[in-house]
Amino acid sequence: METQLDKVLTECLVQQDTVGALVANPQGLCLGAKGIINPNVSGIGMAISEQVAKLEPENNAPATICLYSGNKRCIIQKDGEITGIIYKHATESSNN
């Protein structure tokens, strides 16, 4: 499983503007991280995804949360038992 997780995180990092990615378990513990991202944000990201899921409890589709701060974006999505967090630098092309 570790090699698959490493492969997924590496694939995330090659996407345009992506600077960091991590995956967290249901307890908010970091299962893996790559790039410029603090593994300690895994618990916060998982907690945010849990709270957003409560907004529409009957909706089975995973919610995607986008947080913007200055020239950075944080994208959080929980799918099943796993929460993914991606950091991106916002550029002029991605803001349009």
Protein backbone atom coordinates (compact mmCIF):
# COMPACT_ATOMS: atom_id res chain seq x y z
CA MET A 1 0.00 0.00 0.00
CA GLU A 2 2.85 2.38 0.73
CA THR A 3 4.11 2.24 -2.84
CA GLN A 4 0.61 2.96 -4.20
CA LEU A 5 0.21 5.89 -1.81
CA ASP A 6 3.62 7.23 -2.77
CA LYS A 7 2.68 6.93 -6.45
CA VAL A 8 -0.59 8.84 -5.94
CA LEU A 9 1.13 11.62 -4.00
CA THR A 10 3.82 11.90 -6.69
CA GLU A 11 1.13 12.12 -9.39
CA CYS A 12 -0.57 14.92 -7.45
CA LEU A 13 2.66 16.92 -7.31
CA VAL A 14 3.11 16.95 -11.08
CA GLN A 15 -0.23 18.71 -11.55
CA GLN A 16 -0.11 22.39 -12.47
CA ASP A 17 0.48 24.78 -9.53
CA THR A 18 0.56 21.94 -6.94
CA VAL A 19 3.25 22.38 -4.28
CA GLY A 20 2.23 19.79 -1.67
CA ALA A 21 -0.13 16.89 -1.00
CA LEU A 22 -0.96 14.59 1.87
CA VAL A 23 -3.36 11.81 2.80
CA ALA A 24 -4.89 11.31 6.26
CA ASN A 25 -6.66 8.39 7.93
CA PRO A 26 -10.02 8.64 9.80
CA GLN A 27 -8.21 9.63 13.01
CA GLY A 28 -6.50 12.54 11.25
CA LEU A 29 -3.08 10.91 11.23
CA CYS A 30 -0.90 11.57 8.19
CA LEU A 31 -0.44 8.45 6.08
CA GLY A 32 1.89 10.16 3.63
CA ALA A 33 2.98 13.61 2.49
CA LYS A 34 5.02 15.01 -0.39
CA GLY A 35 6.15 18.46 -1.34
CA ILE A 36 5.78 21.65 0.66
CA ILE A 37 3.08 20.69 3.17
CA ASN A 38 3.18 20.26 6.93
CA PRO A 39 2.06 16.73 7.91
CA ASN A 40 0.55 18.22 11.08
CA VAL A 41 -2.32 19.77 9.05
CA SER A 42 -3.73 16.28 8.43
CA GLY A 43 -5.89 16.37 11.57
CA ILE A 44 -7.23 19.84 10.81
CA GLY A 45 -8.03 18.88 7.22
CA MET A 46 -9.82 15.73 8.33
CA ALA A 47 -11.85 17.68 10.92
CA ILE A 48 -12.87 20.28 8.33
CA SER A 49 -14.01 17.57 5.93
CA GLU A 50 -16.06 15.92 8.70
CA GLN A 51 -17.82 19.20 9.51
CA VAL A 52 -18.58 19.97 5.86
CA ALA A 53 -20.07 16.49 5.39
CA LYS A 54 -22.61 17.37 8.11
CA LEU A 55 -24.01 20.20 5.96
CA GLU A 56 -25.68 17.68 3.64
CA PRO A 57 -25.70 14.32 5.43
CA GLU A 58 -27.92 12.65 2.81
CA ASN A 59 -25.48 13.49 0.01
CA ASN A 60 -23.20 10.51 -0.71
CA ALA A 61 -20.86 12.40 -3.05
CA PRO A 62 -17.61 13.50 -1.38
CA ALA A 63 -17.52 17.24 -0.70
CA THR A 64 -14.61 19.30 -1.97
CA ILE A 65 -13.49 22.20 0.21
CA CYS A 66 -11.41 25.02 -1.27
CA LEU A 67 -9.72 27.49 1.08
CA TYR A 68 -8.03 30.58 -0.35
CA SER A 69 -5.37 32.67 1.37
CA GLY A 70 -3.35 35.22 -0.54
CA ASN A 71 -1.78 33.42 -3.47
CA LYS A 72 -2.35 29.91 -2.09
CA ARG A 73 -5.20 27.41 -2.23
CA CYS A 74 -5.87 24.43 0.00
CA ILE A 75 -8.15 21.76 -1.44
CA ILE A 76 -9.58 19.14 0.94
CA GLN A 77 -11.66 16.12 -0.02
CA LYS A 78 -12.74 13.13 2.02
CA ASP A 79 -13.63 9.98 0.14
CA GLY A 80 -14.60 7.05 2.30
CA GLU A 81 -12.07 6.67 5.10
CA ILE A 82 -9.35 8.75 3.48
CA THR A 83 -8.94 12.54 3.42
CA GLY A 84 -6.72 14.20 0.83
CA ILE A 85 -5.25 17.68 1.16
CA ILE A 86 -3.54 19.51 -1.70
CA TYR A 87 -1.74 22.88 -1.57
CA LYS A 88 -1.56 24.94 -4.73
CA HIS A 89 -0.08 28.30 -5.62
CA ALA A 90 -2.70 30.43 -7.33
CA THR A 91 -1.48 31.99 -10.55
CA GLU A 92 -3.08 34.46 -12.91
CA SER A 93 -4.18 31.62 -15.23
CA SER A 94 -5.76 29.62 -12.39
CA ASN A 95 -7.65 32.65 -11.06
CA ASN A 96 -9.51 33.24 -14.34
